[in-house]
PDB file of N, CA and C in Angstrom:
ATOM      1  N   MET A   1     -32.237 -80.935 -18.986  1.00  0.00           N
ATOM      2  CA  MET A   1     -31.969 -82.323 -18.675  1.00  0.00           C
ATOM      3  C   MET A   1     -30.461 -82.538 -18.632  1.00  0.00           C
ATOM      4  N   GLU A   2     -30.044 -83.326 -17.660  1.00  0.00           N
ATOM      5  CA  GLU A   2     -28.607 -83.582 -17.495  1.00  0.00           C
ATOM      6  C   GLU A   2     -28.319 -85.042 -17.792  1.00  0.00           C
ATOM      7  N   ILE A   3     -27.280 -85.248 -18.566  1.00  0.00           N
ATOM      8  CA  ILE A   3     -26.817 -86.593 -18.930  1.00  0.00           C
ATOM      9  C   ILE A   3     -25.368 -86.698 -18.471  1.00  0.00           C
ATOM     10  N   GLN A   4     -25.002 -87.853 -17.911  1.00  0.00           N
ATOM     11  CA  GLN A   4     -23.635 -87.971 -17.427  1.00  0.00           C
ATOM     12  C   GLN A   4     -22.999 -89.294 -17.855  1.00  0.00           C
ATOM     13  N   ALA A   5     -21.668 -89.287 -17.823  1.00  0.00           N
ATOM     14  CA  ALA A   5     -20.889 -90.491 -18.056  1.00  0.00           C
ATOM     15  C   ALA A   5     -19.785 -90.496 -17.017  1.00  0.00           C
ATOM     16  N   LEU A   6     -19.360 -91.684 -16.632  1.00  0.00           N
ATOM     17  CA  LEU A   6     -18.396 -91.834 -15.554  1.00  0.00           C
ATOM     18  C   LEU A   6     -17.325 -92.832 -15.962  1.00  0.00           C
ATOM     19  N   THR A   7     -16.087 -92.425 -15.790  1.00  0.00           N
ATOM     20  CA  THR A   7     -14.932 -93.320 -15.963  1.00  0.00           C
ATOM     21  C   THR A   7     -14.282 -93.444 -14.591  1.00  0.00           C
ATOM     22  N   ARG A   8     -14.177 -94.683 -14.114  1.00  0.00           N
ATOM     23  CA  ARG A   8     -13.625 -94.896 -12.786  1.00  0.00           C
ATOM     24  C   ARG A   8     -12.276 -95.565 -12.886  1.00  0.00           C
ATOM     25  N   TYR A   9     -11.454 -95.318 -11.898  1.00  0.00           N
ATOM     26  CA  TYR A   9     -10.121 -95.948 -11.758  1.00  0.00           C
ATOM     27  C   TYR A   9      -9.201 -95.636 -12.923  1.00  0.00           C
ATOM     28  N   ALA A  10      -9.212 -94.425 -13.414  1.00  0.00           N
ATOM     29  CA  ALA A  10      -8.278 -94.012 -14.459  1.00  0.00           C
ATOM     30  C   ALA A  10      -6.900 -93.831 -13.825  1.00  0.00           C
ATOM     31  N   ARG A  11      -5.873 -94.450 -14.390  1.00  0.00           N
ATOM     32  CA  ARG A  11      -4.540 -94.428 -13.799  1.00  0.00           C
ATOM     33  C   ARG A  11      -3.811 -93.145 -14.152  1.00  0.00           C
ATOM     34  N   MET A  12      -4.318 -92.053 -13.614  1.00  0.00           N
ATOM     35  CA  MET A  12      -3.682 -90.748 -13.795  1.00  0.00           C
ATOM     36  C   MET A  12      -4.023 -89.897 -12.595  1.00  0.00           C
ATOM     37  N   SER A  13      -3.114 -89.046 -12.236  1.00  0.00           N
ATOM     38  CA  SER A  13      -3.309 -88.177 -11.096  1.00  0.00           C
ATOM     39  C   SER A  13      -4.478 -87.214 -11.346  1.00  0.00           C
ATOM     40  N   PRO A  14      -5.365 -87.019 -10.379  1.00  0.00           N
ATOM     41  CA  PRO A  14      -6.496 -86.095 -10.568  1.00  0.00           C
ATOM     42  C   PRO A  14      -6.053 -84.666 -10.888  1.00  0.00           C
ATOM     43  N   LYS A  15      -4.919 -84.265 -10.343  1.00  0.00           N
ATOM     44  CA  LYS A  15      -4.425 -82.906 -10.601  1.00  0.00           C
ATOM     45  C   LYS A  15      -4.116 -82.697 -12.080  1.00  0.00           C
ATOM     46  N   LYS A  16      -3.549 -83.717 -12.725  1.00  0.00           N
ATOM     47  CA  LYS A  16      -3.217 -83.602 -14.139  1.00  0.00           C
ATOM     48  C   LYS A  16      -4.472 -83.611 -15.019  1.00  0.00           C
ATOM     49  N   VAL A  17      -5.494 -84.356 -14.611  1.00  0.00           N
ATOM     50  CA  VAL A  17      -6.719 -84.415 -15.388  1.00  0.00           C
ATOM     51  C   VAL A  17      -7.525 -83.130 -15.241  1.00  0.00           C
ATOM     52  N   ARG A  18      -7.511 -82.552 -14.043  1.00  0.00           N
ATOM     53  CA  ARG A  18      -8.246 -81.322 -13.782  1.00  0.00           C
ATOM     54  C   ARG A  18      -7.789 -80.155 -14.642  1.00  0.00           C
ATOM     55  N   GLU A  19      -6.467 -80.124 -14.952  1.00  0.00           N
ATOM     56  CA  GLU A  19      -5.943 -79.044 -15.787  1.00  0.00           C
ATOM     57  C   GLU A  19      -6.651 -79.000 -17.151  1.00  0.00           C
ATOM     58  N   VAL A  20      -6.914 -80.142 -17.735  1.00  0.00           N
ATOM     59  CA  VAL A  20      -7.575 -80.205 -19.027  1.00  0.00           C
ATOM     60  C   VAL A  20      -9.076 -80.075 -18.866  1.00  0.00           C
ATOM     61  N   ALA A  21      -9.628 -80.643 -17.800  1.00  0.00           N
ATOM     62  CA  ALA A  21     -11.083 -80.613 -17.582  1.00  0.00           C
ATOM     63  C   ALA A  21     -11.604 -79.176 -17.427  1.00  0.00           C
ATOM     64  N   ARG A  22     -10.798 -78.306 -16.805  1.00  0.00           N
ATOM     65  CA  ARG A  22     -11.189 -76.907 -16.650  1.00  0.00           C
ATOM     66  C   ARG A  22     -11.409 -76.222 -17.997  1.00  0.00           C
ATOM     67  N   LEU A  23     -10.687 -76.682 -19.006  1.00  0.00           N
ATOM     68  CA  LEU A  23     -10.730 -76.003 -20.310  1.00  0.00           C
ATOM     69  C   LEU A  23     -11.998 -76.303 -21.100  1.00  0.00           C
ATOM     70  N   ILE A  24     -12.687 -77.409 -20.793  1.00  0.00           N
ATOM     71  CA  ILE A  24     -13.864 -77.758 -21.601  1.00  0.00           C
ATOM     72  C   ILE A  24     -15.193 -77.421 -20.914  1.00  0.00           C
ATOM     73  N   GLN A  25     -15.171 -77.023 -19.665  1.00  0.00           N
ATOM     74  CA  GLN A  25     -16.436 -76.714 -18.970  1.00  0.00           C
ATOM     75  C   GLN A  25     -17.086 -75.496 -19.603  1.00  0.00           C
ATOM     76  N   GLY A  26     -18.405 -75.608 -19.844  1.00  0.00           N
ATOM     77  CA  GLY A  26     -19.159 -74.505 -20.419  1.00  0.00           C
ATOM     78  C   GLY A  26     -19.143 -74.431 -21.926  1.00  0.00           C
ATOM     79  N   ARG A  27     -18.354 -75.272 -22.585  1.00  0.00           N
ATOM     80  CA  ARG A  27     -18.303 -75.261 -24.032  1.00  0.00           C
ATOM     81  C   ARG A  27     -19.386 -76.165 -24.630  1.00  0.00           C
ATOM     82  N   SER A  28     -19.717 -75.904 -25.894  1.00  0.00           N
ATOM     83  CA  SER A  28     -20.626 -76.813 -26.570  1.00  0.00           C
ATOM     84  C   SER A  28     -19.896 -78.122 -26.850  1.00  0.00           C
ATOM     85  N   VAL A  29     -20.641 -79.185 -27.030  1.00  0.00           N
ATOM     86  CA  VAL A  29     -20.046 -80.513 -27.183  1.00  0.00           C
ATOM     87  C   VAL A  29     -19.152 -80.607 -28.438  1.00  0.00           C
ATOM     88  N   PRO A  30     -19.603 -80.128 -29.622  1.00  0.00           N
ATOM     89  CA  PRO A  30     -18.669 -80.222 -30.764  1.00  0.00           C
ATOM     90  C   PRO A  30     -17.397 -79.392 -30.581  1.00  0.00           C
ATOM     91  N   ASP A  31     -17.562 -78.232 -29.923  1.00  0.00           N
ATOM     92  CA  ASP A  31     -16.403 -77.382 -29.638  1.00  0.00           C
ATOM     93  C   ASP A  31     -15.442 -78.064 -28.649  1.00  0.00           C
ATOM     94  N   ALA A  32     -16.008 -78.698 -27.622  1.00  0.00           N
ATOM     95  CA  ALA A  32     -15.169 -79.370 -26.628  1.00  0.00           C
ATOM     96  C   ALA A  32     -14.420 -80.563 -27.238  1.00  0.00           C
ATOM     97  N   LEU A  33     -15.090 -81.326 -28.109  1.00  0.00           N
ATOM     98  CA  LEU A  33     -14.434 -82.455 -28.769  1.00  0.00           C
ATOM     99  C   LEU A  33     -13.285 -81.977 -29.659  1.00  0.00           C
ATOM    100  N   ALA A  34     -13.532 -80.886 -30.393  1.00  0.00           N
ATOM    101  CA  ALA A  34     -12.468 -80.365 -31.277  1.00  0.00           C
ATOM    102  C   ALA A  34     -11.322 -79.812 -30.444  1.00  0.00           C
ATOM    103  N   PHE A  35     -11.645 -79.195 -29.335  1.00  0.00           N
ATOM    104  CA  PHE A  35     -10.613 -78.620 -28.453  1.00  0.00           C
ATOM    105  C   PHE A  35      -9.754 -79.697 -27.828  1.00  0.00           C
ATOM    106  N   ILE A  36     -10.384 -80.765 -27.352  1.00  0.00           N
ATOM    107  CA  ILE A  36      -9.650 -81.857 -26.696  1.00  0.00           C
ATOM    108  C   ILE A  36      -8.753 -82.589 -27.711  1.00  0.00           C
ATOM    109  N   ALA A  37      -9.208 -82.671 -28.966  1.00  0.00           N
ATOM    110  CA  ALA A  37      -8.420 -83.400 -29.971  1.00  0.00           C
ATOM    111  C   ALA A  37      -7.061 -82.731 -30.235  1.00  0.00           C
ATOM    112  N   LEU A  38      -6.942 -81.450 -29.910  1.00  0.00           N
ATOM    113  CA  LEU A  38      -5.698 -80.726 -30.171  1.00  0.00           C
ATOM    114  C   LEU A  38      -4.720 -80.778 -28.993  1.00  0.00           C
ATOM    115  N   ILE A  39      -5.143 -81.333 -27.871  1.00  0.00           N
ATOM    116  CA  ILE A  39      -4.307 -81.340 -26.676  1.00  0.00           C
ATOM    117  C   ILE A  39      -3.533 -82.662 -26.626  1.00  0.00           C
ATOM    118  N   PRO A  40      -2.201 -82.647 -26.696  1.00  0.00           N
ATOM    119  CA  PRO A  40      -1.431 -83.874 -26.758  1.00  0.00           C
ATOM    120  C   PRO A  40      -1.076 -84.460 -25.371  1.00  0.00           C
ATOM    121  N   ARG A  41      -2.110 -84.788 -24.605  1.00  0.00           N
ATOM    122  CA  ARG A  41      -1.867 -85.315 -23.240  1.00  0.00           C
ATOM    123  C   ARG A  41      -2.737 -86.558 -23.036  1.00  0.00           C
ATOM    124  N   LYS A  42      -2.282 -87.422 -22.159  1.00  0.00           N
ATOM    125  CA  LYS A  42      -3.047 -88.613 -21.827  1.00  0.00           C
ATOM    126  C   LYS A  42      -4.382 -88.243 -21.192  1.00  0.00           C
ATOM    127  N   SER A  43      -4.365 -87.209 -20.375  1.00  0.00           N
ATOM    128  CA  SER A  43      -5.609 -86.807 -19.703  1.00  0.00           C
ATOM    129  C   SER A  43      -6.664 -86.338 -20.722  1.00  0.00           C
ATOM    130  N   ALA A  44      -6.223 -85.734 -21.837  1.00  0.00           N
ATOM    131  CA  ALA A  44      -7.150 -85.323 -22.851  1.00  0.00           C
ATOM    132  C   ALA A  44      -7.806 -86.529 -23.539  1.00  0.00           C
ATOM    133  N   ARG A  45      -7.019 -87.578 -23.725  1.00  0.00           N
ATOM    134  CA  ARG A  45      -7.585 -88.803 -24.342  1.00  0.00           C
ATOM    135  C   ARG A  45      -8.614 -89.448 -23.406  1.00  0.00           C
ATOM    136  N   LEU A  46      -8.318 -89.462 -22.107  1.00  0.00           N
ATOM    137  CA  LEU A  46      -9.266 -90.023 -21.130  1.00  0.00           C
ATOM    138  C   LEU A  46     -10.554 -89.189 -21.096  1.00  0.00           C
ATOM    139  N   LEU A  47     -10.425 -87.874 -21.109  1.00  0.00           N
ATOM    140  CA  LEU A  47     -11.613 -87.019 -21.099  1.00  0.00           C
ATOM    141  C   LEU A  47     -12.408 -87.173 -22.398  1.00  0.00           C
ATOM    142  N   ALA A  48     -11.727 -87.294 -23.534  1.00  0.00           N
ATOM    143  CA  ALA A  48     -12.420 -87.455 -24.800  1.00  0.00           C
ATOM    144  C   ALA A  48     -13.250 -88.740 -24.811  1.00  0.00           C
ATOM    145  N   LYS A  49     -12.678 -89.805 -24.260  1.00  0.00           N
ATOM    146  CA  LYS A  49     -13.388 -91.083 -24.212  1.00  0.00           C
ATOM    147  C   LYS A  49     -14.635 -90.977 -23.338  1.00  0.00           C
ATOM    148  N   THR A  50     -14.511 -90.297 -22.214  1.00  0.00           N
ATOM    149  CA  THR A  50     -15.662 -90.124 -21.307  1.00  0.00           C
ATOM    150  C   THR A  50     -16.696 -89.200 -21.935  1.00  0.00           C
ATOM    151  N   LEU A  51     -16.248 -88.163 -22.636  1.00  0.00           N
ATOM    152  CA  LEU A  51     -17.183 -87.237 -23.286  1.00  0.00           C
ATOM    153  C   LEU A  51     -17.936 -87.946 -24.394  1.00  0.00           C
ATOM    154  N   LYS A  52     -17.282 -88.762 -25.163  1.00  0.00           N
ATOM    155  CA  LYS A  52     -17.974 -89.528 -26.230  1.00  0.00           C
ATOM    156  C   LYS A  52     -18.982 -90.488 -25.637  1.00  0.00           C
ATOM    157  N   SER A  53     -18.685 -91.045 -24.464  1.00  0.00           N
ATOM    158  CA  SER A  53     -19.633 -91.922 -23.806  1.00  0.00           C
ATOM    159  C   SER A  53     -20.868 -91.159 -23.353  1.00  0.00           C
ATOM    160  N   ALA A  54     -20.666 -89.942 -22.848  1.00  0.00           N
ATOM    161  CA  ALA A  54     -21.796 -89.106 -22.401  1.00  0.00           C
ATOM    162  C   ALA A  54     -22.653 -88.704 -23.620  1.00  0.00           C
ATOM    163  N   ILE A  55     -22.013 -88.444 -24.769  1.00  0.00           N
ATOM    164  CA  ILE A  55     -22.759 -88.105 -25.981  1.00  0.00           C
ATOM    165  C   ILE A  55     -23.576 -89.305 -26.404  1.00  0.00           C
ATOM    166  N   ALA A  56     -23.000 -90.502 -26.383  1.00  0.00           N
ATOM    167  CA  ALA A  56     -23.751 -91.699 -26.756  1.00  0.00           C
ATOM    168  C   ALA A  56     -24.929 -91.923 -25.803  1.00  0.00           C
ATOM    169  N   ASN A  57     -24.734 -91.664 -24.527  1.00  0.00           N
ATOM    170  CA  ASN A  57     -25.846 -91.805 -23.567  1.00  0.00           C
ATOM    171  C   ASN A  57     -26.961 -90.845 -23.917  1.00  0.00           C
ATOM    172  N   ALA A  58     -26.604 -89.630 -24.278  1.00  0.00           N
ATOM    173  CA  ALA A  58     -27.621 -88.622 -24.606  1.00  0.00           C
ATOM    174  C   ALA A  58     -28.401 -88.989 -25.885  1.00  0.00           C
ATOM    175  N   GLU A  59     -27.659 -89.477 -26.870  1.00  0.00           N
ATOM    176  CA  GLU A  59     -28.327 -89.809 -28.161  1.00  0.00           C
ATOM    177  C   GLU A  59     -29.177 -91.083 -28.042  1.00  0.00           C
ATOM    178  N   ASN A  60     -28.661 -92.094 -27.361  1.00  0.00           N
ATOM    179  CA  ASN A  60     -29.373 -93.387 -27.332  1.00  0.00           C
ATOM    180  C   ASN A  60     -30.436 -93.448 -26.265  1.00  0.00           C
ATOM    181  N   ASN A  61     -30.199 -92.883 -25.093  1.00  0.00           N
ATOM    182  CA  ASN A  61     -31.152 -93.002 -23.989  1.00  0.00           C
ATOM    183  C   ASN A  61     -32.183 -91.878 -23.953  1.00  0.00           C
ATOM    184  N   ASN A  62     -31.814 -90.680 -24.415  1.00  0.00           N
ATOM    185  CA  ASN A  62     -32.684 -89.524 -24.285  1.00  0.00           C
ATOM    186  C   ASN A  62     -33.072 -88.905 -25.614  1.00  0.00           C
ATOM    187  N   ASN A  63     -32.626 -89.454 -26.727  1.00  0.00           N
ATOM    188  CA  ASN A  63     -32.962 -88.937 -28.061  1.00  0.00           C
ATOM    189  C   ASN A  63     -32.615 -87.475 -28.237  1.00  0.00           C
ATOM    190  N   LEU A  64     -31.446 -87.062 -27.743  1.00  0.00           N
ATOM    191  CA  LEU A  64     -30.962 -85.672 -27.870  1.00  0.00           C
ATOM    192  C   LEU A  64     -29.887 -85.616 -28.924  1.00  0.00           C
ATOM    193  N   SER A  65     -29.812 -84.473 -29.580  1.00  0.00           N
ATOM    194  CA  SER A  65     -28.766 -84.260 -30.575  1.00  0.00           C
ATOM    195  C   SER A  65     -27.510 -83.713 -29.879  1.00  0.00           C
ATOM    196  N   ALA A  66     -26.345 -84.216 -30.272  1.00  0.00           N
ATOM    197  CA  ALA A  66     -25.096 -83.789 -29.647  1.00  0.00           C
ATOM    198  C   ALA A  66     -24.761 -82.323 -29.954  1.00  0.00           C
ATOM    199  N   ASP A  67     -25.310 -81.801 -31.071  1.00  0.00           N
ATOM    200  CA  ASP A  67     -25.016 -80.414 -31.458  1.00  0.00           C
ATOM    201  C   ASP A  67     -25.650 -79.406 -30.507  1.00  0.00           C
ATOM    202  N   LYS A  68     -26.686 -79.815 -29.820  1.00  0.00           N
ATOM    203  CA  LYS A  68     -27.408 -78.890 -28.936  1.00  0.00           C
ATOM    204  C   LYS A  68     -27.014 -79.006 -27.466  1.00  0.00           C
ATOM    205  N   LEU A  69     -26.028 -79.841 -27.192  1.00  0.00           N
ATOM    206  CA  LEU A  69     -25.625 -80.080 -25.785  1.00  0.00           C
ATOM    207  C   LEU A  69     -24.389 -79.246 -25.414  1.00  0.00           C
ATOM    208  N   PHE A  70     -24.264 -79.002 -24.106  1.00  0.00           N
ATOM    209  CA  PHE A  70     -23.127 -78.270 -23.551  1.00  0.00           C
ATOM    210  C   PHE A  70     -22.512 -79.086 -22.429  1.00  0.00           C
ATOM    211  N   VAL A  71     -21.237 -78.885 -22.201  1.00  0.00           N
ATOM    212  CA  VAL A  71     -20.562 -79.537 -21.074  1.00  0.00           C
ATOM    213  C   VAL A  71     -20.886 -78.723 -19.823  1.00  0.00           C
ATOM    214  N   HIS A  72     -21.776 -79.240 -19.009  1.00  0.00           N
ATOM    215  CA  HIS A  72     -22.194 -78.510 -17.830  1.00  0.00           C
ATOM    216  C   HIS A  72     -21.133 -78.558 -16.754  1.00  0.00           C
ATOM    217  N   ARG A  73     -20.648 -79.783 -16.462  1.00  0.00           N
ATOM    218  CA  ARG A  73     -19.593 -79.973 -15.449  1.00  0.00           C
ATOM    219  C   ARG A  73     -18.661 -81.057 -15.902  1.00  0.00           C
ATOM    220  N   ALA A  74     -17.403 -80.912 -15.525  1.00  0.00           N
ATOM    221  CA  ALA A  74     -16.425 -81.989 -15.682  1.00  0.00           C
ATOM    222  C   ALA A  74     -15.764 -82.149 -14.317  1.00  0.00           C
ATOM    223  N   LEU A  75     -16.217 -83.129 -13.578  1.00  0.00           N
ATOM    224  CA  LEU A  75     -15.760 -83.358 -12.218  1.00  0.00           C
ATOM    225  C   LEU A  75     -14.665 -84.441 -12.216  1.00  0.00           C
ATOM    226  N   ILE A  76     -13.563 -84.168 -11.589  1.00  0.00           N
ATOM    227  CA  ILE A  76     -12.487 -85.117 -11.445  1.00  0.00           C
ATOM    228  C   ILE A  76     -12.317 -85.370  -9.948  1.00  0.00           C
ATOM    229  N   GLU A  77     -12.600 -86.593  -9.528  1.00  0.00           N
ATOM    230  CA  GLU A  77     -12.527 -86.940  -8.115  1.00  0.00           C
ATOM    231  C   GLU A  77     -11.369 -87.886  -7.854  1.00  0.00           C
ATOM    232  N   ASN A  78     -10.898 -87.884  -6.633  1.00  0.00           N
ATOM    233  CA  ASN A  78      -9.794 -88.754  -6.231  1.00  0.00           C
ATOM    234  C   ASN A  78     -10.273 -90.207  -6.194  1.00  0.00           C
ATOM    235  N   GLY A  79      -9.450 -91.060  -6.741  1.00  0.00           N
ATOM    236  CA  GLY A  79      -9.703 -92.508  -6.660  1.00  0.00           C
ATOM    237  C   GLY A  79      -8.794 -93.109  -5.616  1.00  0.00           C
ATOM    238  N   PRO A  80      -8.726 -94.445  -5.568  1.00  0.00           N
ATOM    239  CA  PRO A  80      -7.813 -95.070  -4.608  1.00  0.00           C
ATOM    240  C   PRO A  80      -6.371 -94.814  -4.961  1.00  0.00           C
ATOM    241  N   VAL A  81      -5.515 -95.006  -3.998  1.00  0.00           N
ATOM    242  CA  VAL A  81      -4.078 -94.751  -4.185  1.00  0.00           C
ATOM    243  C   VAL A  81      -3.308 -96.069  -4.023  1.00  0.00           C
ATOM    244  N   LEU A  82      -2.431 -96.353  -4.976  1.00  0.00           N
ATOM    245  CA  LEU A  82      -1.563 -97.515  -4.857  1.00  0.00           C
ATOM    246  C   LEU A  82      -0.276 -97.061  -4.189  1.00  0.00           C
ATOM    247  N   LYS A  83       0.075 -97.699  -3.094  1.00  0.00           N
ATOM    248  CA  LYS A  83       1.280 -97.323  -2.372  1.00  0.00           C
ATOM    249  C   LYS A  83       2.342 -98.371  -2.664  1.00  0.00           C
ATOM    250  N   ARG A  84       3.445 -97.944  -3.253  1.00  0.00           N
ATOM    251  CA  ARG A  84       4.536 -98.814  -3.668  1.00  0.00           C
ATOM    252  C   ARG A  84       5.842 -98.272  -3.120  1.00  0.00           C
ATOM    253  N   PHE A  85       6.876 -99.087  -3.161  1.00  0.00           N
ATOM    254  CA  PHE A  85       8.194 -98.666  -2.718  1.00  0.00           C
ATOM    255  C   PHE A  85       9.218 -98.948  -3.796  1.00  0.00           C
ATOM    256  N   LYS A  86      10.204 -98.069  -3.846  1.00  0.00           N
ATOM    257  CA  LYS A  86      11.310 -98.198  -4.798  1.00  0.00           C
ATOM    258  C   LYS A  86      12.586 -98.198  -4.005  1.00  0.00           C
ATOM    259  N   ALA A  87      13.571 -98.968  -4.457  1.00  0.00           N
ATOM    260  CA  ALA A  87      14.835 -99.076  -3.730  1.00  0.00           C
ATOM    261  C   ALA A  87      15.528 -97.731  -3.683  1.00  0.00           C
ATOM    262  N   GLY A  88      16.048 -97.391  -2.542  1.00  0.00           N
ATOM    263  CA  GLY A  88      16.789 -96.155  -2.360  1.00  0.00           C
ATOM    264  C   GLY A  88      18.248 -96.415  -2.031  1.00  0.00           C
ATOM    265  N   ALA A  89      18.958 -95.416  -1.662  1.00  0.00           N
ATOM    266  CA  ALA A  89      20.373 -95.558  -1.332  1.00  0.00           C
ATOM    267  C   ALA A  89      20.586 -96.332  -0.030  1.00  0.00           C
ATOM    268  N   LYS A  90      21.660 -97.052   0.036  1.00  0.00           N
ATOM    269  CA  LYS A  90      22.067 -97.802   1.248  1.00  0.00           C
ATOM    270  C   LYS A  90      20.995 -98.774   1.722  1.00  0.00           C
ATOM    271  N   GLY A  91      20.300 -99.396   0.803  1.00  0.00           N
ATOM    272  CA  GLY A  91      19.329-100.420   1.168  1.00  0.00           C
ATOM    273  C   GLY A  91      18.021 -99.873   1.715  1.00  0.00           C
ATOM    274  N   SER A  92      17.763 -98.606   1.614  1.00  0.00           N
ATOM    275  CA  SER A  92      16.519 -98.068   2.122  1.00  0.00           C
ATOM    276  C   SER A  92      15.423 -98.124   1.040  1.00  0.00           C
ATOM    277  N   ALA A  93      14.212 -97.870   1.426  1.00  0.00           N
ATOM    278  CA  ALA A  93      13.086 -97.903   0.488  1.00  0.00           C
ATOM    279  C   ALA A  93      12.437 -96.508   0.437  1.00  0.00           C
ATOM    280  N   LYS A  94      12.157 -96.053  -0.762  1.00  0.00           N
ATOM    281  CA  LYS A  94      11.523 -94.745  -0.946  1.00  0.00           C
ATOM    282  C   LYS A  94      10.072 -94.985  -1.390  1.00  0.00           C
ATOM    283  N   PRO A  95       9.112 -94.342  -0.741  1.00  0.00           N
ATOM    284  CA  PRO A  95       7.714 -94.559  -1.081  1.00  0.00           C
ATOM    285  C   PRO A  95       7.360 -93.908  -2.440  1.00  0.00           C
ATOM    286  N   ARG A  96       6.479 -94.593  -3.173  1.00  0.00           N
ATOM    287  CA  ARG A  96       5.900 -94.073  -4.414  1.00  0.00           C
ATOM    288  C   ARG A  96       4.390 -94.123  -4.235  1.00  0.00           C
ATOM    289  N   VAL A  97       3.726 -93.048  -4.593  1.00  0.00           N
ATOM    290  CA  VAL A  97       2.282 -92.984  -4.543  1.00  0.00           C
ATOM    291  C   VAL A  97       1.735 -92.888  -5.952  1.00  0.00           C
ATOM    292  N   LYS A  98       0.968 -93.917  -6.371  1.00  0.00           N
ATOM    293  CA  LYS A  98       0.397 -93.944  -7.704  1.00  0.00           C
ATOM    294  C   LYS A  98      -1.078 -93.651  -7.588  1.00  0.00           C
ATOM    295  N   ARG A  99      -1.470 -92.501  -8.055  1.00  0.00           N
ATOM    296  CA  ARG A  99      -2.824 -92.030  -7.868  1.00  0.00           C
ATOM    297  C   ARG A  99      -3.747 -92.456  -9.009  1.00  0.00           C
ATOM    298  N   MET A 100      -5.032 -92.574  -8.665  1.00  0.00           N
ATOM    299  CA  MET A 100      -6.091 -92.866  -9.650  1.00  0.00           C
ATOM    300  C   MET A 100      -7.154 -91.769  -9.539  1.00  0.00           C
ATOM    301  N   SER A 101      -7.951 -91.658 -10.570  1.00  0.00           N
ATOM    302  CA  SER A 101      -9.007 -90.651 -10.540  1.00  0.00           C
ATOM    303  C   SER A 101     -10.289 -91.189 -11.150  1.00  0.00           C
ATOM    304  N   HIS A 102     -11.392 -90.584 -10.756  1.00  0.00           N
ATOM    305  CA  HIS A 102     -12.685 -90.880 -11.326  1.00  0.00           C
ATOM    306  C   HIS A 102     -13.137 -89.653 -12.121  1.00  0.00           C
ATOM    307  N   LEU A 103     -13.503 -89.840 -13.377  1.00  0.00           N
ATOM    308  CA  LEU A 103     -13.904 -88.736 -14.259  1.00  0.00           C
ATOM    309  C   LEU A 103     -15.405 -88.779 -14.432  1.00  0.00           C
ATOM    310  N   ARG A 104     -16.063 -87.647 -14.204  1.00  0.00           N
ATOM    311  CA  ARG A 104     -17.515 -87.569 -14.390  1.00  0.00           C
ATOM    312  C   ARG A 104     -17.799 -86.352 -15.280  1.00  0.00           C
ATOM    313  N   ILE A 105     -18.409 -86.563 -16.423  1.00  0.00           N
ATOM    314  CA  ILE A 105     -18.784 -85.461 -17.299  1.00  0.00           C
ATOM    315  C   ILE A 105     -20.291 -85.382 -17.366  1.00  0.00           C
ATOM    316  N   VAL A 106     -20.820 -84.208 -17.111  1.00  0.00           N
ATOM    317  CA  VAL A 106     -22.255 -83.960 -17.078  1.00  0.00           C
ATOM    318  C   VAL A 106     -22.573 -83.021 -18.239  1.00  0.00           C
ATOM    319  N   LEU A 107     -23.456 -83.476 -19.128  1.00  0.00           N
ATOM    320  CA  LEU A 107     -23.911 -82.661 -20.246  1.00  0.00           C
ATOM    321  C   LEU A 107     -25.294 -82.117 -19.953  1.00  0.00           C
ATOM    322  N   SER A 108     -25.576 -80.937 -20.496  1.00  0.00           N
ATOM    323  CA  SER A 108     -26.886 -80.316 -20.303  1.00  0.00           C
ATOM    324  C   SER A 108     -27.346 -79.780 -21.637  1.00  0.00           C
ATOM    325  N   ASP A 109     -28.671 -79.703 -21.809  1.00  0.00           N
ATOM    326  CA  ASP A 109     -29.216 -79.175 -23.066  1.00  0.00           C
ATOM    327  C   ASP A 109     -29.389 -77.654 -23.034  1.00  0.00           C
ATOM    328  N   SER A 110     -29.137 -77.021 -21.892  1.00  0.00           N
ATOM    329  CA  SER A 110     -29.164 -75.575 -21.803  1.00  0.00           C
ATOM    330  C   SER A 110     -27.850 -75.079 -21.226  1.00  0.00           C
ATOM    331  N   GLN A 111     -27.340 -74.023 -21.825  1.00  0.00           N
ATOM    332  CA  GLN A 111     -26.069 -73.480 -21.344  1.00  0.00           C
ATOM    333  C   GLN A 111     -26.290 -72.655 -20.084  1.00  0.00           C
ATOM    334  N   SER A 112     -25.482 -72.951 -19.048  1.00  0.00           N
ATOM    335  CA  SER A 112     -25.628 -72.197 -17.792  1.00  0.00           C
ATOM    336  C   SER A 112     -24.304 -71.971 -17.134  1.00  0.00           C
TER     337      SER A 112
END
């Protein structure tokens, strides 16, 4: 059985979040939570919040124990992009691209 949680419109570049998400795929849930707690990055805090939400979904909606679950997938998808401009030299404007991401964590009761 697969349980998922989704965080949308997280104000962080998908590339930065994917670096941390790769580290928790395939791990058991308690191991993944302990691992994320040691990473001092904003992306780790966002993933921890989404992972805790997935655990709550599993416990409340499906009566599953968090100790028996594994992180099946951690998908980081591109969200919308905010396009802004910053003043440049000689009155010109330099573009700034502020990226967002959607985080999806899928838990499974069997390791695969």
